[in-house]
Amino acid sequence: MNPHPCVAFCHFVIKALKPRNSAYPKVLETLGDRLRAKRMDLGLYQKHVAKLLGVTMDTICYWENSRVKPSPQVLPKIVQFLQED
């Protein structure tokens, strides 16, 4: 005899959206907000984005926190990263 008789016929699935990380920008106002949102949407760490863009992890951190603006030379790479699906 099955110890849990209802298990055989009581199948249900609970679906809900996972809450966003508290670090996710609430409003996309700055380039840094957009970078952080895109990075988090893709499930990447700052070190991965840094490698993709050819900069340091600290640089990504500074951009995301609007401490430093990217140089014009790296802007095309940032635009390309932001447009990726």
C-alpha atoms as a PDB file:
ATOM      1  CA  MET A   1       0.000   0.000   0.000  1.00  0.00           C
ATOM      2  CA  ASN A   2       1.248   3.467  -0.868  1.00  0.00           C
ATOM      3  CA  PRO A   3       1.958   5.437   2.367  1.00  0.00           C
ATOM      4  CA  HIS A   4       0.768   8.633   0.695  1.00  0.00           C
ATOM      5  CA  PRO A   5      -2.298   7.753  -1.360  1.00  0.00           C
ATOM      6  CA  CYS A   6      -2.947  11.289  -2.583  1.00  0.00           C
ATOM      7  CA  VAL A   7       0.526  11.588  -4.130  1.00  0.00           C
ATOM      8  CA  ALA A   8      -0.470   9.395  -7.061  1.00  0.00           C
ATOM      9  CA  PHE A   9      -3.174  11.751  -8.301  1.00  0.00           C
ATOM     10  CA  CYS A  10      -2.539  15.159  -6.701  1.00  0.00           C
ATOM     11  CA  HIS A  11      -0.236  16.830  -9.194  1.00  0.00           C
ATOM     12  CA  PHE A  12       0.033  20.589  -9.241  1.00  0.00           C
ATOM     13  CA  VAL A  13       2.673  23.091 -10.164  1.00  0.00           C
ATOM     14  CA  ILE A  14       3.186  26.444  -8.529  1.00  0.00           C
ATOM     15  CA  LYS A  15       4.492  29.056 -10.933  1.00  0.00           C
ATOM     16  CA  ALA A  16       5.747  32.437  -9.819  1.00  0.00           C
ATOM     17  CA  LEU A  17       8.320  34.925 -10.941  1.00  0.00           C
ATOM     18  CA  LYS A  18      11.492  34.895  -8.928  1.00  0.00           C
ATOM     19  CA  PRO A  19      12.009  38.246  -7.214  1.00  0.00           C
ATOM     20  CA  ARG A  20      14.782  40.364  -8.697  1.00  0.00           C
ATOM     21  CA  ASN A  21      18.057  40.775  -6.929  1.00  0.00           C
ATOM     22  CA  SER A  22      17.998  43.818  -4.645  1.00  0.00           C
ATOM     23  CA  ALA A  23      21.009  45.195  -6.544  1.00  0.00           C
ATOM     24  CA  TYR A  24      18.975  45.342  -9.771  1.00  0.00           C
ATOM     25  CA  PRO A  25      18.385  49.002 -10.712  1.00  0.00           C
ATOM     26  CA  LYS A  26      14.843  50.124 -10.033  1.00  0.00           C
ATOM     27  CA  VAL A  27      15.054  52.815 -12.738  1.00  0.00           C
ATOM     28  CA  LEU A  28      17.389  52.803 -15.733  1.00  0.00           C
ATOM     29  CA  GLU A  29      18.623  56.384 -15.622  1.00  0.00           C
ATOM     30  CA  THR A  30      22.349  56.085 -16.259  1.00  0.00           C
ATOM     31  CA  LEU A  31      24.639  54.048 -18.465  1.00  0.00           C
ATOM     32  CA  GLY A  32      25.776  52.299 -15.294  1.00  0.00           C
ATOM     33  CA  ASP A  33      22.178  51.317 -14.488  1.00  0.00           C
ATOM     34  CA  ARG A  34      21.767  49.898 -17.976  1.00  0.00           C
ATOM     35  CA  LEU A  35      25.049  47.978 -17.755  1.00  0.00           C
ATOM     36  CA  ARG A  36      24.138  46.466 -14.382  1.00  0.00           C
ATOM     37  CA  ALA A  37      20.626  45.534 -15.543  1.00  0.00           C
ATOM     38  CA  LYS A  38      21.917  43.893 -18.746  1.00  0.00           C
ATOM     39  CA  ARG A  39      24.645  42.042 -16.856  1.00  0.00           C
ATOM     40  CA  MET A  40      22.166  40.746 -14.290  1.00  0.00           C
ATOM     41  CA  ASP A  41      19.604  39.839 -16.970  1.00  0.00           C
ATOM     42  CA  LEU A  42      22.276  37.696 -18.625  1.00  0.00           C
ATOM     43  CA  GLY A  43      23.353  36.197 -15.285  1.00  0.00           C
ATOM     44  CA  LEU A  44      26.918  37.475 -15.636  1.00  0.00           C
ATOM     45  CA  TYR A  45      29.370  38.656 -13.016  1.00  0.00           C
ATOM     46  CA  GLN A  46      31.297  41.900 -13.356  1.00  0.00           C
ATOM     47  CA  LYS A  47      34.454  39.926 -14.145  1.00  0.00           C
ATOM     48  CA  HIS A  48      32.743  38.321 -17.165  1.00  0.00           C
ATOM     49  CA  VAL A  49      31.584  41.661 -18.573  1.00  0.00           C
ATOM     50  CA  ALA A  50      35.031  43.128 -17.920  1.00  0.00           C
ATOM     51  CA  LYS A  51      36.597  40.365 -19.988  1.00  0.00           C
ATOM     52  CA  LEU A  52      34.066  40.860 -22.809  1.00  0.00           C
ATOM     53  CA  LEU A  53      34.749  44.603 -22.921  1.00  0.00           C
ATOM     54  CA  GLY A  54      38.515  44.374 -22.382  1.00  0.00           C
ATOM     55  CA  VAL A  55      38.574  46.327 -19.113  1.00  0.00           C
ATOM     56  CA  THR A  56      39.111  45.502 -15.454  1.00  0.00           C
ATOM     57  CA  MET A  57      36.455  44.333 -13.029  1.00  0.00           C
ATOM     58  CA  ASP A  58      37.010  47.538 -11.041  1.00  0.00           C
ATOM     59  CA  THR A  59      36.210  49.564 -14.153  1.00  0.00           C
ATOM     60  CA  ILE A  60      32.857  47.789 -14.527  1.00  0.00           C
ATOM     61  CA  CYS A  61      32.144  48.482 -10.857  1.00  0.00           C
ATOM     62  CA  TYR A  62      32.978  52.179 -11.288  1.00  0.00           C
ATOM     63  CA  TRP A  63      30.767  52.457 -14.382  1.00  0.00           C
ATOM     64  CA  GLU A  64      27.847  50.702 -12.686  1.00  0.00           C
ATOM     65  CA  ASN A  65      28.108  53.030  -9.696  1.00  0.00           C
ATOM     66  CA  SER A  66      28.544  56.120 -11.919  1.00  0.00           C
ATOM     67  CA  ARG A  67      31.909  56.918 -10.350  1.00  0.00           C
ATOM     68  CA  VAL A  68      33.631  57.037 -13.742  1.00  0.00           C
ATOM     69  CA  LYS A  69      32.346  57.484 -17.288  1.00  0.00           C
ATOM     70  CA  PRO A  70      33.600  55.126 -20.005  1.00  0.00           C
ATOM     71  CA  SER A  71      36.176  56.444 -22.450  1.00  0.00           C
ATOM     72  CA  PRO A  72      35.024  57.066 -26.031  1.00  0.00           C
ATOM     73  CA  GLN A  73      37.195  54.182 -27.264  1.00  0.00           C
ATOM     74  CA  VAL A  74      35.179  51.571 -25.334  1.00  0.00           C
ATOM     75  CA  LEU A  75      31.695  53.004 -26.017  1.00  0.00           C
ATOM     76  CA  PRO A  76      31.133  50.936 -29.221  1.00  0.00           C
ATOM     77  CA  LYS A  77      31.789  47.728 -27.254  1.00  0.00           C
ATOM     78  CA  ILE A  78      29.394  48.834 -24.518  1.00  0.00           C
ATOM     79  CA  VAL A  79      26.677  49.633 -27.065  1.00  0.00           C
ATOM     80  CA  GLN A  80      27.171  46.219 -28.674  1.00  0.00           C
ATOM     81  CA  PHE A  81      26.948  44.502 -25.260  1.00  0.00           C
ATOM     82  CA  LEU A  82      23.759  46.378 -24.385  1.00  0.00           C
ATOM     83  CA  GLN A  83      22.129  45.425 -27.712  1.00  0.00           C
ATOM     84  CA  GLU A  84      22.883  41.690 -27.447  1.00  0.00           C
ATOM     85  CA  ASP A  85      19.945  39.355 -26.877  1.00  0.00           C
END
